[in-house]
Amino acid sequence: MKISKNYRFFPMILGLILVVYFYGYKYVYKNNDHFFKNRIQAKVIKVINHEDKSLQFYYSNEYCITITNTRGDTLKIGDSISKKHNTKSFGVYRIKNGNYIFFKNYK
């Protein structure tokens, strides 16, 4: 019985599929689901720039807002986010002269 040489790639392909699936679940679906369903009152604590393709603004250690528009007005560390539950739109408040004032509404 001769086994085809293509079967040696099967474990690598299966591993790649599993990594993509769990990444998609944990970092994409779970994050988006949490953001949509919950009321959020938080400050941006960390910003990660992915090679000018997307920006991730973390408002907790686990959850973030991902924006693909890396040009123009974006969030900054220290900005305050206010969002109602079951909606995607949120307001951003930026500190000016020691007080938070409304900056922009994102939809």
Protein backbone atom coordinates (compact mmCIF):
# COMPACT_ATOMS: atom_id res chain seq x y z
CA MET A 1 0.00 0.00 0.00
CA LYS A 2 1.46 3.31 -1.07
CA ILE A 3 0.43 6.54 0.72
CA SER A 4 0.32 9.70 -1.32
CA LYS A 5 2.93 12.34 -0.48
CA ASN A 6 0.16 14.94 -0.14
CA TYR A 7 -0.96 13.44 3.18
CA ARG A 8 2.12 14.83 4.93
CA PHE A 9 0.63 18.32 4.55
CA PHE A 10 -2.64 17.33 6.20
CA PRO A 11 -1.49 18.01 9.83
CA MET A 12 -0.13 21.43 8.84
CA ILE A 13 -3.33 22.38 7.03
CA LEU A 14 -5.48 21.12 9.92
CA GLY A 15 -3.35 23.09 12.39
CA LEU A 16 -3.67 26.24 10.29
CA ILE A 17 -7.45 25.85 10.07
CA LEU A 18 -7.68 25.43 13.87
CA VAL A 19 -5.51 28.49 14.54
CA VAL A 20 -7.58 30.64 12.16
CA TYR A 21 -10.85 29.35 13.67
CA PHE A 22 -9.86 30.04 17.28
CA TYR A 23 -8.33 33.42 16.41
CA GLY A 24 -11.54 34.36 14.60
CA TYR A 25 -13.65 33.28 17.55
CA LYS A 26 -11.60 34.74 20.39
CA TYR A 27 -10.34 37.97 18.89
CA VAL A 28 -13.01 38.86 16.37
CA TYR A 29 -16.40 37.36 17.25
CA LYS A 30 -16.05 37.46 21.04
CA ASN A 31 -14.72 41.04 21.00
CA ASN A 32 -17.44 42.31 18.64
CA ASP A 33 -20.17 40.48 20.58
CA HIS A 34 -18.99 41.98 23.89
CA PHE A 35 -18.79 45.47 22.41
CA PHE A 36 -22.27 45.31 20.87
CA LYS A 37 -24.15 43.79 23.84
CA ASN A 38 -22.65 45.76 26.73
CA ARG A 39 -22.85 49.30 28.00
CA ILE A 40 -19.35 50.73 28.06
CA GLN A 41 -17.99 53.65 30.07
CA ALA A 42 -14.21 53.40 29.85
CA LYS A 43 -11.00 55.12 28.90
CA VAL A 44 -8.65 54.08 26.12
CA ILE A 45 -5.67 52.50 27.88
CA LYS A 46 -3.59 51.19 24.97
CA VAL A 47 -3.31 51.66 21.20
CA ILE A 48 -1.86 49.08 18.80
CA ASN A 49 -1.14 50.00 15.19
CA HIS A 50 -1.03 47.03 12.82
CA GLU A 51 1.23 48.33 10.03
CA ASP A 52 -1.17 51.20 9.20
CA LYS A 53 -3.85 48.68 8.19
CA SER A 54 -5.89 48.82 11.38
CA LEU A 55 -5.80 50.38 14.81
CA GLN A 56 -6.89 48.66 18.00
CA PHE A 57 -7.93 50.86 20.90
CA TYR A 58 -8.06 48.85 24.12
CA TYR A 59 -10.51 49.97 26.77
CA SER A 60 -9.76 46.93 28.96
CA ASN A 61 -7.04 44.29 28.98
CA GLU A 62 -9.23 41.94 26.91
CA TYR A 63 -11.45 44.08 24.73
CA CYS A 64 -10.77 46.69 22.09
CA ILE A 65 -12.29 48.76 19.32
CA THR A 66 -10.76 48.05 15.91
CA ILE A 67 -10.78 50.78 13.28
CA THR A 68 -9.50 50.25 9.75
CA ASN A 69 -9.36 53.95 8.90
CA THR A 70 -5.88 54.88 10.14
CA ARG A 71 -5.97 58.43 8.77
CA GLY A 72 -7.64 61.46 10.27
CA ASP A 73 -9.31 61.73 13.66
CA THR A 74 -8.67 58.67 15.76
CA LEU A 75 -8.86 57.87 19.42
CA LYS A 76 -6.00 58.61 21.79
CA ILE A 77 -4.88 57.11 25.07
CA GLY A 78 -6.94 58.75 27.79
CA ASP A 79 -10.03 59.38 25.64
CA SER A 80 -13.28 58.42 27.34
CA ILE A 81 -15.73 56.13 25.52
CA SER A 82 -19.45 56.16 26.23
CA LYS A 83 -21.71 53.56 24.63
CA LYS A 84 -25.18 52.18 25.31
CA HIS A 85 -25.88 48.45 25.16
CA ASN A 86 -27.10 46.79 21.93
CA THR A 87 -25.65 49.44 19.65
CA LYS A 88 -22.45 49.92 17.69
CA SER A 89 -22.29 53.72 17.89
CA PHE A 90 -20.32 55.36 20.68
CA GLY A 91 -19.31 58.82 21.75
CA VAL A 92 -15.78 59.93 22.47
CA TYR A 93 -14.91 62.55 25.04
CA ARG A 94 -11.48 64.14 25.10
CA ILE A 95 -9.88 65.97 27.99
CA LYS A 96 -9.37 69.71 27.53
CA ASN A 97 -8.36 72.10 30.30
CA GLY A 98 -8.95 69.37 32.89
CA ASN A 99 -12.51 68.56 31.75
CA TYR A 100 -13.84 65.98 29.33
CA ILE A 101 -15.69 67.53 26.40
CA PHE A 102 -17.49 65.80 23.55
CA PHE A 103 -15.11 65.09 20.67
CA LYS A 104 -16.82 62.88 18.10
CA ASN A 105 -19.53 60.28 17.61
CA TYR A 106 -18.57 57.04 15.83
CA LYS A 107 -21.12 54.79 14.11
